[in-house]
Structure formats: C-alpha cells, structure tokens
N, C-alpha and C. Protein backbone atom coordinates (compact mmCIF):
# COMPACT_ATOMS: atom_id res chain seq x y z
N UNK A 1 -15.57 4.74 3.73
CA UNK A 1 -14.48 3.91 3.26
C UNK A 1 -13.49 3.73 4.41
N UNK A 2 -12.96 2.53 4.50
CA UNK A 2 -11.98 2.24 5.54
C UNK A 2 -10.99 1.20 5.02
N UNK A 3 -9.71 1.40 5.35
CA UNK A 3 -8.66 0.45 5.02
C UNK A 3 -7.90 0.17 6.30
N UNK A 4 -7.82 -1.10 6.69
CA UNK A 4 -7.11 -1.49 7.92
C UNK A 4 -6.14 -2.62 7.61
N UNK A 5 -4.97 -2.53 8.18
CA UNK A 5 -3.96 -3.59 8.09
C UNK A 5 -3.65 -3.96 9.53
N UNK A 6 -4.33 -5.00 10.01
CA UNK A 6 -4.31 -5.33 11.43
C UNK A 6 -3.82 -6.75 11.68
N UNK A 7 -3.75 -7.09 12.93
CA UNK A 7 -3.40 -8.45 13.35
C UNK A 7 -2.10 -8.90 12.68
N UNK A 8 -1.13 -7.99 12.65
CA UNK A 8 0.17 -8.29 12.05
C UNK A 8 0.94 -9.17 13.02
N UNK A 9 1.27 -10.36 12.56
CA UNK A 9 2.02 -11.29 13.40
C UNK A 9 2.92 -12.13 12.52
N UNK A 10 3.70 -12.92 13.12
CA UNK A 10 4.66 -13.75 12.39
C UNK A 10 3.93 -14.64 11.39
N UNK A 11 4.06 -14.30 10.13
CA UNK A 11 3.50 -15.14 9.08
C UNK A 11 2.31 -14.59 8.35
N UNK A 12 1.53 -13.71 8.98
CA UNK A 12 0.35 -13.22 8.28
C UNK A 12 -0.15 -11.92 8.90
N UNK A 13 -1.12 -11.34 8.24
CA UNK A 13 -1.80 -10.14 8.72
C UNK A 13 -3.23 -10.22 8.23
N UNK A 14 -4.03 -9.28 8.67
CA UNK A 14 -5.41 -9.18 8.20
C UNK A 14 -5.60 -7.80 7.60
N UNK A 15 -6.13 -7.76 6.42
CA UNK A 15 -6.47 -6.50 5.77
C UNK A 15 -7.99 -6.45 5.66
N UNK A 16 -8.58 -5.38 6.19
CA UNK A 16 -10.01 -5.17 6.08
C UNK A 16 -10.22 -3.93 5.22
N UNK A 17 -10.99 -4.09 4.17
CA UNK A 17 -11.29 -2.98 3.28
C UNK A 17 -12.80 -2.85 3.19
N UNK A 18 -13.30 -1.69 3.59
CA UNK A 18 -14.73 -1.41 3.54
C UNK A 18 -14.98 -0.28 2.56
N UNK A 19 -15.91 -0.54 1.65
CA UNK A 19 -16.27 0.49 0.67
C UNK A 19 -17.70 0.22 0.21
N UNK A 20 -18.47 1.29 0.04
CA UNK A 20 -19.86 1.20 -0.41
C UNK A 20 -20.67 0.23 0.45
N UNK A 21 -20.48 0.30 1.75
CA UNK A 21 -21.20 -0.52 2.73
C UNK A 21 -20.94 -2.01 2.58
N UNK A 22 -19.82 -2.37 1.95
CA UNK A 22 -19.41 -3.77 1.83
C UNK A 22 -18.05 -3.92 2.52
N UNK A 23 -17.89 -5.04 3.21
CA UNK A 23 -16.66 -5.29 3.95
C UNK A 23 -15.97 -6.52 3.35
N UNK A 24 -14.66 -6.35 3.08
CA UNK A 24 -13.85 -7.44 2.54
C UNK A 24 -12.69 -7.68 3.50
N UNK A 25 -12.39 -8.95 3.74
CA UNK A 25 -11.30 -9.29 4.63
C UNK A 25 -10.33 -10.22 3.90
N UNK A 26 -9.04 -9.86 3.96
CA UNK A 26 -8.00 -10.63 3.28
C UNK A 26 -6.90 -10.97 4.27
N UNK A 27 -6.17 -12.04 3.99
CA UNK A 27 -5.13 -12.51 4.90
C UNK A 27 -3.82 -12.75 4.16
N UNK A 28 -3.09 -11.66 3.86
CA UNK A 28 -1.81 -11.83 3.17
C UNK A 28 -0.79 -12.50 4.09
N UNK A 29 0.10 -13.27 3.47
CA UNK A 29 1.15 -13.93 4.24
C UNK A 29 2.48 -13.23 4.01
N UNK A 30 3.46 -13.60 4.83
CA UNK A 30 4.78 -12.98 4.73
C UNK A 30 5.55 -13.43 3.49
N UNK A 31 4.97 -14.30 2.69
CA UNK A 31 5.63 -14.72 1.44
C UNK A 31 5.64 -13.60 0.41
N UNK A 32 4.89 -12.55 0.67
CA UNK A 32 4.93 -11.37 -0.19
C UNK A 32 5.03 -10.14 0.70
N UNK A 33 5.57 -9.07 0.16
CA UNK A 33 5.66 -7.82 0.90
C UNK A 33 4.35 -7.09 0.72
N UNK A 34 3.30 -7.60 1.34
CA UNK A 34 1.95 -7.13 1.08
C UNK A 34 1.80 -5.62 1.26
N UNK A 35 2.12 -5.11 2.44
CA UNK A 35 1.93 -3.69 2.68
C UNK A 35 2.92 -2.85 1.87
N UNK A 36 4.16 -3.29 1.78
CA UNK A 36 5.17 -2.55 1.02
C UNK A 36 4.82 -2.44 -0.46
N UNK A 37 4.41 -3.57 -1.05
CA UNK A 37 4.02 -3.54 -2.46
C UNK A 37 2.79 -2.66 -2.67
N UNK A 38 1.83 -2.77 -1.76
CA UNK A 38 0.60 -1.99 -1.84
C UNK A 38 0.89 -0.49 -1.81
N UNK A 39 1.71 -0.06 -0.85
CA UNK A 39 2.02 1.36 -0.68
C UNK A 39 2.83 1.88 -1.87
N UNK A 40 3.81 1.11 -2.32
CA UNK A 40 4.61 1.53 -3.49
C UNK A 40 3.74 1.62 -4.73
N UNK A 41 2.82 0.67 -4.88
CA UNK A 41 1.91 0.68 -6.03
C UNK A 41 1.00 1.91 -5.99
N UNK A 42 0.45 2.22 -4.82
CA UNK A 42 -0.40 3.40 -4.70
C UNK A 42 0.41 4.67 -4.97
N UNK A 43 1.62 4.74 -4.45
CA UNK A 43 2.49 5.91 -4.70
C UNK A 43 2.81 6.04 -6.18
N UNK A 44 2.94 4.91 -6.88
CA UNK A 44 3.23 4.97 -8.32
C UNK A 44 2.07 5.58 -9.10
N UNK A 45 0.87 5.52 -8.56
CA UNK A 45 -0.31 6.09 -9.22
C UNK A 45 -0.52 7.56 -8.86
N UNK A 46 0.18 8.03 -7.84
CA UNK A 46 0.01 9.42 -7.40
C UNK A 46 0.93 10.33 -8.20
N UNK A 47 0.38 11.33 -8.87
CA UNK A 47 1.22 12.20 -9.72
C UNK A 47 2.24 13.03 -8.94
N UNK A 48 2.08 13.18 -7.63
CA UNK A 48 3.01 13.98 -6.84
C UNK A 48 4.05 13.14 -6.10
N UNK A 49 4.02 11.84 -6.29
CA UNK A 49 4.99 10.97 -5.61
C UNK A 49 6.14 10.62 -6.54
N UNK A 50 6.77 11.64 -7.03
CA UNK A 50 7.95 11.48 -7.86
C UNK A 50 9.13 11.97 -7.03
N UNK A 51 9.93 11.07 -6.57
CA UNK A 51 11.07 11.46 -5.75
C UNK A 51 12.15 12.04 -6.64
N UNK A 52 12.59 13.23 -6.31
CA UNK A 52 13.53 13.94 -7.18
C UNK A 52 14.90 13.28 -7.24
N UNK A 53 15.25 12.45 -6.28
CA UNK A 53 16.57 11.82 -6.30
C UNK A 53 16.64 10.67 -7.29
N UNK A 54 15.52 10.18 -7.72
CA UNK A 54 15.52 9.07 -8.67
C UNK A 54 14.21 9.09 -9.44
N UNK A 55 14.28 9.44 -10.68
CA UNK A 55 13.08 9.48 -11.50
C UNK A 55 12.47 8.08 -11.54
N UNK A 56 11.18 8.03 -11.30
CA UNK A 56 10.49 6.75 -11.34
C UNK A 56 10.79 5.88 -10.13
N UNK A 57 11.04 6.48 -8.98
CA UNK A 57 11.33 5.70 -7.77
C UNK A 57 10.18 4.76 -7.46
N UNK A 58 8.98 5.20 -7.74
CA UNK A 58 7.81 4.33 -7.61
C UNK A 58 7.41 3.98 -9.04
N UNK A 59 8.06 2.96 -9.58
CA UNK A 59 7.89 2.61 -10.98
C UNK A 59 6.47 2.17 -11.27
N UNK A 60 6.07 2.43 -12.48
CA UNK A 60 4.73 2.06 -12.92
C UNK A 60 4.63 0.54 -12.97
N UNK A 61 3.55 0.04 -12.44
CA UNK A 61 3.30 -1.40 -12.41
C UNK A 61 2.05 -1.65 -13.24
N UNK A 62 2.17 -2.49 -14.23
CA UNK A 62 1.01 -2.86 -15.04
C UNK A 62 0.44 -4.16 -14.52
N UNK A 63 -0.87 -4.20 -14.39
CA UNK A 63 -1.52 -5.43 -13.96
C UNK A 63 -1.66 -5.57 -12.46
N UNK A 64 -1.17 -4.61 -11.70
CA UNK A 64 -1.37 -4.62 -10.26
C UNK A 64 -0.31 -5.40 -9.50
N UNK A 65 -0.59 -5.60 -8.23
CA UNK A 65 0.32 -6.32 -7.35
C UNK A 65 -0.39 -7.55 -6.79
N UNK A 66 0.40 -8.55 -6.42
CA UNK A 66 -0.16 -9.79 -5.87
C UNK A 66 0.20 -9.95 -4.41
N UNK A 67 -0.77 -10.38 -3.63
CA UNK A 67 -0.53 -10.80 -2.26
C UNK A 67 -0.64 -12.31 -2.20
N UNK A 68 0.31 -12.96 -1.57
CA UNK A 68 0.20 -14.39 -1.31
C UNK A 68 -0.79 -14.55 -0.16
N UNK A 69 -1.81 -15.35 -0.36
CA UNK A 69 -2.81 -15.59 0.69
C UNK A 69 -3.06 -17.09 0.85
N UNK A 70 -2.04 -17.88 0.67
CA UNK A 70 -2.21 -19.34 0.76
C UNK A 70 -2.57 -19.90 -0.60
N UNK A 71 -3.76 -20.48 -0.71
CA UNK A 71 -4.11 -21.10 -1.99
C UNK A 71 -4.40 -20.12 -3.12
N UNK A 72 -4.53 -18.84 -2.78
CA UNK A 72 -4.85 -17.83 -3.79
C UNK A 72 -3.80 -16.74 -3.81
N UNK A 73 -3.73 -16.08 -4.96
CA UNK A 73 -3.03 -14.82 -5.08
C UNK A 73 -4.13 -13.76 -5.14
N UNK A 74 -4.01 -12.74 -4.35
CA UNK A 74 -4.97 -11.66 -4.37
C UNK A 74 -4.35 -10.52 -5.16
N UNK A 75 -4.95 -10.18 -6.27
CA UNK A 75 -4.41 -9.15 -7.15
C UNK A 75 -5.17 -7.84 -6.92
N UNK A 76 -4.42 -6.79 -6.58
CA UNK A 76 -4.96 -5.44 -6.46
C UNK A 76 -4.56 -4.67 -7.72
N UNK A 77 -5.53 -4.05 -8.35
CA UNK A 77 -5.24 -3.23 -9.53
C UNK A 77 -5.91 -1.87 -9.36
N UNK A 78 -5.11 -0.82 -9.56
CA UNK A 78 -5.60 0.55 -9.47
C UNK A 78 -5.55 1.18 -10.86
N UNK A 79 -6.66 1.82 -11.24
CA UNK A 79 -6.70 2.56 -12.50
C UNK A 79 -7.17 3.97 -12.14
N UNK A 80 -6.22 4.90 -12.21
CA UNK A 80 -6.52 6.28 -11.84
C UNK A 80 -6.93 7.08 -13.05
N UNK A 81 -8.03 7.82 -12.90
CA UNK A 81 -8.52 8.71 -13.94
C UNK A 81 -8.80 10.06 -13.28
N UNK A 82 -7.78 10.90 -13.23
CA UNK A 82 -7.84 12.20 -12.59
C UNK A 82 -8.26 12.05 -11.12
N UNK A 83 -9.47 12.50 -10.78
CA UNK A 83 -9.92 12.44 -9.38
C UNK A 83 -10.42 11.08 -8.95
N UNK A 84 -10.71 10.23 -9.90
CA UNK A 84 -11.31 8.93 -9.58
C UNK A 84 -10.28 7.81 -9.62
N UNK A 85 -10.55 6.79 -8.81
CA UNK A 85 -9.71 5.61 -8.77
C UNK A 85 -10.61 4.38 -8.89
N UNK A 86 -10.32 3.57 -9.89
CA UNK A 86 -11.01 2.29 -10.01
C UNK A 86 -10.15 1.24 -9.31
N UNK A 87 -10.77 0.49 -8.42
CA UNK A 87 -10.09 -0.57 -7.68
C UNK A 87 -10.68 -1.90 -8.12
N UNK A 88 -9.80 -2.78 -8.55
CA UNK A 88 -10.23 -4.12 -8.96
C UNK A 88 -9.43 -5.12 -8.13
N UNK A 89 -10.13 -5.96 -7.38
CA UNK A 89 -9.49 -6.99 -6.58
C UNK A 89 -9.92 -8.34 -7.13
N UNK A 90 -8.94 -9.15 -7.50
CA UNK A 90 -9.21 -10.44 -8.14
C UNK A 90 -8.47 -11.56 -7.42
N UNK A 91 -9.15 -12.67 -7.21
CA UNK A 91 -8.49 -13.87 -6.71
C UNK A 91 -7.98 -14.66 -7.90
N UNK A 92 -6.72 -15.04 -7.83
CA UNK A 92 -6.11 -15.86 -8.87
C UNK A 92 -5.51 -17.10 -8.23
N UNK A 93 -5.29 -18.09 -9.03
CA UNK A 93 -4.73 -19.33 -8.51
C UNK A 93 -3.26 -19.16 -8.18
N UNK A 94 -2.87 -19.69 -7.06
CA UNK A 94 -1.47 -19.68 -6.63
C UNK A 94 -0.88 -21.04 -7.00
N UNK A 95 -0.22 -21.09 -8.14
CA UNK A 95 0.30 -22.37 -8.64
C UNK A 95 1.47 -22.90 -7.82
N UNK A 96 2.06 -22.07 -6.99
CA UNK A 96 3.13 -22.59 -6.12
C UNK A 96 2.54 -23.43 -4.98
N UNK A 97 1.26 -23.26 -4.70
CA UNK A 97 0.60 -24.02 -3.63
C UNK A 97 -0.24 -25.15 -4.20
N UNK A 98 -0.98 -24.87 -5.28
CA UNK A 98 -1.90 -25.85 -5.85
C UNK A 98 -1.73 -25.88 -7.36
N UNK A 99 -1.23 -26.98 -7.87
CA UNK A 99 -0.98 -27.09 -9.32
C UNK A 99 -2.20 -27.55 -10.11
N UNK A 100 -3.20 -28.08 -9.43
CA UNK A 100 -4.42 -28.50 -10.10
C UNK A 100 -5.20 -27.25 -10.51
N UNK A 101 -5.54 -27.14 -11.77
CA UNK A 101 -6.20 -25.94 -12.29
C UNK A 101 -7.58 -25.78 -11.67
N UNK A 102 -7.81 -24.62 -11.11
CA UNK A 102 -9.11 -24.27 -10.53
C UNK A 102 -9.88 -23.47 -11.59
N UNK A 103 -10.92 -24.06 -12.13
CA UNK A 103 -11.67 -23.43 -13.22
C UNK A 103 -12.52 -22.26 -12.73
N UNK A 104 -12.65 -22.09 -11.43
CA UNK A 104 -13.42 -20.97 -10.88
C UNK A 104 -12.58 -19.70 -10.75
N UNK A 105 -11.31 -19.80 -11.08
CA UNK A 105 -10.41 -18.65 -10.96
C UNK A 105 -9.85 -18.28 -12.32
N UNK A 106 -9.54 -17.05 -12.58
CA UNK A 106 -9.62 -15.90 -11.68
C UNK A 106 -11.07 -15.47 -11.44
N UNK A 107 -11.27 -14.86 -10.27
CA UNK A 107 -12.60 -14.40 -9.87
C UNK A 107 -12.48 -12.99 -9.33
N UNK A 108 -13.26 -12.08 -9.90
CA UNK A 108 -13.25 -10.69 -9.43
C UNK A 108 -14.04 -10.62 -8.12
N UNK A 109 -13.35 -10.15 -7.08
CA UNK A 109 -13.95 -10.00 -5.75
C UNK A 109 -14.61 -8.63 -5.62
N UNK A 110 -13.97 -7.62 -6.19
CA UNK A 110 -14.47 -6.27 -6.09
C UNK A 110 -14.03 -5.47 -7.29
N UNK A 111 -14.95 -4.69 -7.82
CA UNK A 111 -14.65 -3.73 -8.87
C UNK A 111 -15.48 -2.50 -8.54
N UNK A 112 -14.81 -1.42 -8.15
CA UNK A 112 -15.51 -0.23 -7.70
C UNK A 112 -14.70 1.01 -8.03
N UNK A 113 -15.34 2.14 -7.92
CA UNK A 113 -14.67 3.42 -8.13
C UNK A 113 -14.89 4.30 -6.91
N UNK A 114 -13.86 5.04 -6.56
CA UNK A 114 -13.94 5.98 -5.44
C UNK A 114 -13.09 7.20 -5.78
N UNK A 115 -13.13 8.18 -4.91
CA UNK A 115 -12.29 9.36 -5.07
C UNK A 115 -10.86 8.99 -4.69
N UNK A 116 -9.91 9.30 -5.57
CA UNK A 116 -8.52 8.95 -5.35
C UNK A 116 -8.00 9.50 -4.03
N UNK A 117 -8.22 10.80 -3.76
CA UNK A 117 -7.71 11.41 -2.54
C UNK A 117 -8.34 10.79 -1.28
N UNK A 118 -9.60 10.39 -1.37
CA UNK A 118 -10.25 9.74 -0.21
C UNK A 118 -9.58 8.41 0.11
N UNK A 119 -9.26 7.65 -0.93
CA UNK A 119 -8.60 6.37 -0.73
C UNK A 119 -7.19 6.57 -0.16
N UNK A 120 -6.46 7.53 -0.73
CA UNK A 120 -5.11 7.82 -0.24
C UNK A 120 -5.17 8.22 1.23
N UNK A 121 -6.13 9.04 1.61
CA UNK A 121 -6.26 9.46 3.01
C UNK A 121 -6.52 8.25 3.92
N UNK A 122 -7.39 7.34 3.51
CA UNK A 122 -7.65 6.13 4.32
C UNK A 122 -6.37 5.33 4.53
N UNK A 123 -5.59 5.18 3.49
CA UNK A 123 -4.36 4.40 3.58
C UNK A 123 -3.34 5.12 4.47
N UNK A 124 -3.19 6.43 4.30
CA UNK A 124 -2.24 7.20 5.10
C UNK A 124 -2.59 7.11 6.58
N UNK A 125 -3.86 7.26 6.91
CA UNK A 125 -4.27 7.18 8.31
C UNK A 125 -3.94 5.81 8.90
N UNK A 126 -4.14 4.76 8.12
CA UNK A 126 -3.83 3.43 8.62
C UNK A 126 -2.33 3.22 8.76
N UNK A 127 -1.57 3.72 7.82
CA UNK A 127 -0.11 3.61 7.93
C UNK A 127 0.40 4.39 9.14
N UNK A 128 -0.18 5.56 9.39
CA UNK A 128 0.15 6.33 10.59
C UNK A 128 -0.10 5.48 11.84
N UNK A 129 -1.25 4.83 11.89
CA UNK A 129 -1.60 4.03 13.05
C UNK A 129 -0.64 2.85 13.21
N UNK A 130 -0.35 2.16 12.11
CA UNK A 130 0.52 0.98 12.17
C UNK A 130 1.92 1.37 12.66
N UNK A 131 2.51 2.40 12.08
CA UNK A 131 3.88 2.75 12.44
C UNK A 131 3.96 3.30 13.86
N UNK A 132 2.94 4.02 14.30
CA UNK A 132 2.96 4.54 15.67
C UNK A 132 2.70 3.44 16.69
N UNK A 133 1.95 2.43 16.29
CA UNK A 133 1.68 1.31 17.19
C UNK A 133 2.85 0.35 17.27
N UNK A 134 3.49 0.05 16.14
CA UNK A 134 4.50 -0.99 16.09
C UNK A 134 5.93 -0.48 15.99
N UNK A 135 6.12 0.69 15.40
CA UNK A 135 7.47 1.18 15.15
C UNK A 135 8.04 0.54 13.89
N UNK A 136 9.13 1.09 13.41
CA UNK A 136 9.74 0.58 12.18
C UNK A 136 10.36 -0.79 12.42
N UNK A 137 11.14 -0.95 13.46
CA UNK A 137 11.77 -2.24 13.75
C UNK A 137 10.75 -3.26 14.25
N UNK A 138 9.77 -2.80 15.01
CA UNK A 138 8.72 -3.70 15.49
C UNK A 138 7.90 -4.29 14.36
N UNK A 139 7.64 -3.47 13.33
CA UNK A 139 6.92 -3.97 12.16
C UNK A 139 7.73 -5.08 11.50
N UNK A 140 9.01 -4.83 11.30
CA UNK A 140 9.86 -5.83 10.65
C UNK A 140 9.94 -7.11 11.49
N UNK A 141 10.02 -6.97 12.79
CA UNK A 141 10.09 -8.14 13.65
C UNK A 141 8.85 -9.02 13.46
N UNK A 142 7.69 -8.39 13.33
CA UNK A 142 6.46 -9.16 13.14
C UNK A 142 6.29 -9.67 11.72
N UNK A 143 6.65 -8.83 10.74
CA UNK A 143 6.41 -9.21 9.35
C UNK A 143 7.56 -10.03 8.77
N UNK A 144 8.62 -10.21 9.48
CA UNK A 144 9.76 -11.06 9.17
C UNK A 144 10.66 -10.50 8.07
N UNK A 145 10.42 -10.78 6.83
CA UNK A 145 11.36 -10.46 5.75
C UNK A 145 11.31 -9.02 5.25
N UNK A 146 10.28 -8.29 5.59
CA UNK A 146 10.08 -6.98 4.95
C UNK A 146 9.95 -5.87 5.99
N UNK A 147 10.43 -4.69 5.60
CA UNK A 147 10.36 -3.54 6.49
C UNK A 147 9.13 -2.69 6.18
N UNK A 148 8.84 -1.80 7.10
CA UNK A 148 7.73 -0.87 6.91
C UNK A 148 8.03 0.01 5.69
N UNK A 149 7.05 0.23 4.82
CA UNK A 149 7.29 1.00 3.58
C UNK A 149 7.37 2.51 3.82
N UNK A 150 8.43 2.91 4.49
CA UNK A 150 8.57 4.30 4.93
C UNK A 150 8.67 5.29 3.77
N UNK A 151 9.34 4.91 2.68
CA UNK A 151 9.50 5.84 1.56
C UNK A 151 8.17 6.16 0.89
N UNK A 152 7.40 5.14 0.58
CA UNK A 152 6.09 5.36 -0.04
C UNK A 152 5.14 6.08 0.89
N UNK A 153 5.19 5.72 2.16
CA UNK A 153 4.34 6.36 3.17
C UNK A 153 4.64 7.85 3.25
N UNK A 154 5.90 8.23 3.38
CA UNK A 154 6.24 9.65 3.49
C UNK A 154 5.89 10.41 2.22
N UNK A 155 6.13 9.80 1.06
CA UNK A 155 5.80 10.47 -0.21
C UNK A 155 4.29 10.69 -0.33
N UNK A 156 3.49 9.67 0.01
CA UNK A 156 2.03 9.81 -0.05
C UNK A 156 1.52 10.83 0.96
N UNK A 157 2.04 10.77 2.17
CA UNK A 157 1.59 11.68 3.22
C UNK A 157 1.90 13.13 2.86
N UNK A 158 3.10 13.37 2.38
CA UNK A 158 3.49 14.73 2.00
C UNK A 158 2.64 15.23 0.83
N UNK A 159 2.47 14.38 -0.17
CA UNK A 159 1.67 14.76 -1.33
C UNK A 159 0.23 15.08 -0.93
N UNK A 160 -0.33 14.29 -0.03
CA UNK A 160 -1.70 14.53 0.41
C UNK A 160 -1.81 15.83 1.21
N UNK A 161 -0.90 16.04 2.14
CA UNK A 161 -0.97 17.20 3.02
C UNK A 161 -0.67 18.52 2.32
N UNK A 162 0.36 18.50 1.46
CA UNK A 162 0.85 19.76 0.91
C UNK A 162 0.59 19.94 -0.59
N UNK A 163 0.01 18.94 -1.20
CA UNK A 163 -0.36 19.01 -2.63
C UNK A 163 0.83 19.33 -3.53
N UNK A 164 2.00 18.81 -3.14
CA UNK A 164 3.19 18.95 -3.97
C UNK A 164 4.14 17.80 -3.63
N UNK A 165 5.10 17.53 -4.51
CA UNK A 165 6.04 16.43 -4.24
C UNK A 165 6.96 16.75 -3.08
N UNK A 166 7.38 15.72 -2.38
CA UNK A 166 8.33 15.86 -1.28
C UNK A 166 9.71 16.02 -1.89
N UNK A 167 10.23 17.22 -1.88
CA UNK A 167 11.54 17.49 -2.44
C UNK A 167 12.59 17.08 -1.41
N UNK A 168 13.04 15.86 -1.51
CA UNK A 168 13.97 15.36 -0.51
C UNK A 168 15.41 15.75 -0.79
N UNK A 169 15.69 16.16 -2.00
CA UNK A 169 17.07 16.50 -2.33
C UNK A 169 17.37 17.92 -1.86
N UNK A 170 18.41 18.06 -1.10
CA UNK A 170 18.83 19.36 -0.59
C UNK A 170 20.14 19.76 -1.27
N UNK A 171 20.70 20.89 -0.89
CA UNK A 171 21.92 21.41 -1.51
C UNK A 171 23.07 20.41 -1.49
N UNK A 172 23.18 19.65 -0.43
CA UNK A 172 24.29 18.69 -0.30
C UNK A 172 23.92 17.32 -0.83
N UNK A 173 22.89 17.24 -1.61
CA UNK A 173 22.40 15.98 -2.20
C UNK A 173 22.00 14.95 -1.14
N UNK A 174 21.67 15.40 0.03
CA UNK A 174 21.20 14.51 1.08
C UNK A 174 19.73 14.76 1.35
N UNK A 175 19.20 14.05 2.29
CA UNK A 175 17.82 14.28 2.68
C UNK A 175 17.80 15.04 3.99
N UNK A 176 16.68 15.62 4.28
CA UNK A 176 16.51 16.33 5.53
C UNK A 176 15.83 15.39 6.53
N UNK A 177 16.61 14.86 7.42
CA UNK A 177 16.07 13.97 8.43
C UNK A 177 15.04 14.69 9.29
N UNK A 178 15.28 15.95 9.57
CA UNK A 178 14.33 16.73 10.37
C UNK A 178 12.97 16.81 9.67
N UNK A 179 12.98 17.09 8.35
CA UNK A 179 11.72 17.15 7.60
C UNK A 179 11.02 15.79 7.59
N UNK A 180 11.79 14.73 7.42
CA UNK A 180 11.21 13.40 7.39
C UNK A 180 10.61 13.02 8.74
N UNK A 181 11.34 13.30 9.82
CA UNK A 181 10.83 12.98 11.17
C UNK A 181 9.59 13.80 11.50
N UNK A 182 9.61 15.08 11.11
CA UNK A 182 8.43 15.93 11.34
C UNK A 182 7.22 15.33 10.63
N UNK A 183 7.39 14.96 9.38
CA UNK A 183 6.31 14.38 8.60
C UNK A 183 5.86 13.05 9.19
N UNK A 184 6.79 12.25 9.61
CA UNK A 184 6.50 10.95 10.20
C UNK A 184 5.63 11.11 11.46
N UNK A 185 5.95 12.08 12.29
CA UNK A 185 5.24 12.27 13.55
C UNK A 185 3.98 13.11 13.44
N UNK A 186 3.81 13.79 12.33
CA UNK A 186 2.65 14.65 12.12
C UNK A 186 1.37 13.81 12.09
N UNK A 187 0.41 14.18 12.89
CA UNK A 187 -0.87 13.45 12.94
C UNK A 187 -1.84 14.04 11.91
N UNK A 188 -2.57 13.17 11.28
CA UNK A 188 -3.61 13.59 10.33
C UNK A 188 -4.97 13.37 10.98
N UNK A 189 -5.74 14.39 11.02
CA UNK A 189 -7.09 14.28 11.63
C UNK A 189 -8.13 14.11 10.57
C-alpha cells in the first residue's frame, strides 16, 4: 500500500494511491483543502485523536470528504471497523463546473478494505515527507489558500507511535511546543 501527495504546485497536486496491486491517480485542485480535509477526516476516524483541549476537534464527518478535481468531485469515505478500514472512492458530478446531468455518475472508483493502522502509517510517512520537503509556509505558498494540516498530522503521528492520545493540555492550559517540535521532527522508519 502506498499513499503519495506529490507535484504540489499553484492550483493542483497529484495524489497516487496504490492498494492491492492497483494504482489510482487523482488531481485535486486548490478549490478544496484536499490534504487538510483528508487528514482531518482520517483523524476523526482514529479513536486516539481526541484533542483534550476541545472535545471533537476532529468532528465526525458523515458521507466522507470531497476533493474538487475539475469536472468531478472525488469523494473519499472511510468506514472503520476496529482493525479494518473500508475505503470507498467515488466520482461525483461537480455541478459548479458542469450543470448538464452526467448519467454515468456517481461512479465507484474503488471499494476496498485494509488494516487501519497500515493505512494511517502510509499517510503519516507521506505527510512527514511533504512537510520536510516543503515546510509549513512553503506548502501554503504552493497550495495557495490552505495551510499544511499540522494538527491532524501531529495527532495521527502521536497516536500511531505511542498508542495513546496526544495530551496537549499542560498545567498552564497551553501546549508544549517542545513536544510538538520533537514529534514533528521525529522520523518514522
């Protein structure tokens, strides 16, 4: 399994998702916060990504998230069942681009099941690569309207590595920048 978010440039990116010896390539545009929505959605499915400073910081999303991809909306839907994760990717019509009804849509592109932790690890490794390659401000410069999803990334990474929630609230009701920076720079092999 592999998840890549590459070729990030002004206006679009390329997402490559490989699973069960099949490769899928998607091209989200900057009209949606593709990576940010994706990471927040995945964190909302993780039982350990409950930020103590705000209950439900990664609110439950029903029906998945949409990526703007030009004439289509690409819908990602995750259904977690303990250790397993069902991933459903559907192309839907983007009525803001094309108002003529396309009778071939919606169309399921992928419906598969994998191990939840394996998928989370693939995503974390890719987020590590993206942030170390581009930086937080560099990501925003390329993606235009949206920033790197640092909160979801740190919550997922901590939950994966330590098998417990990232307790960001300290005695003074602040966060520990040192803990966050350590986690941010920590490499996953």
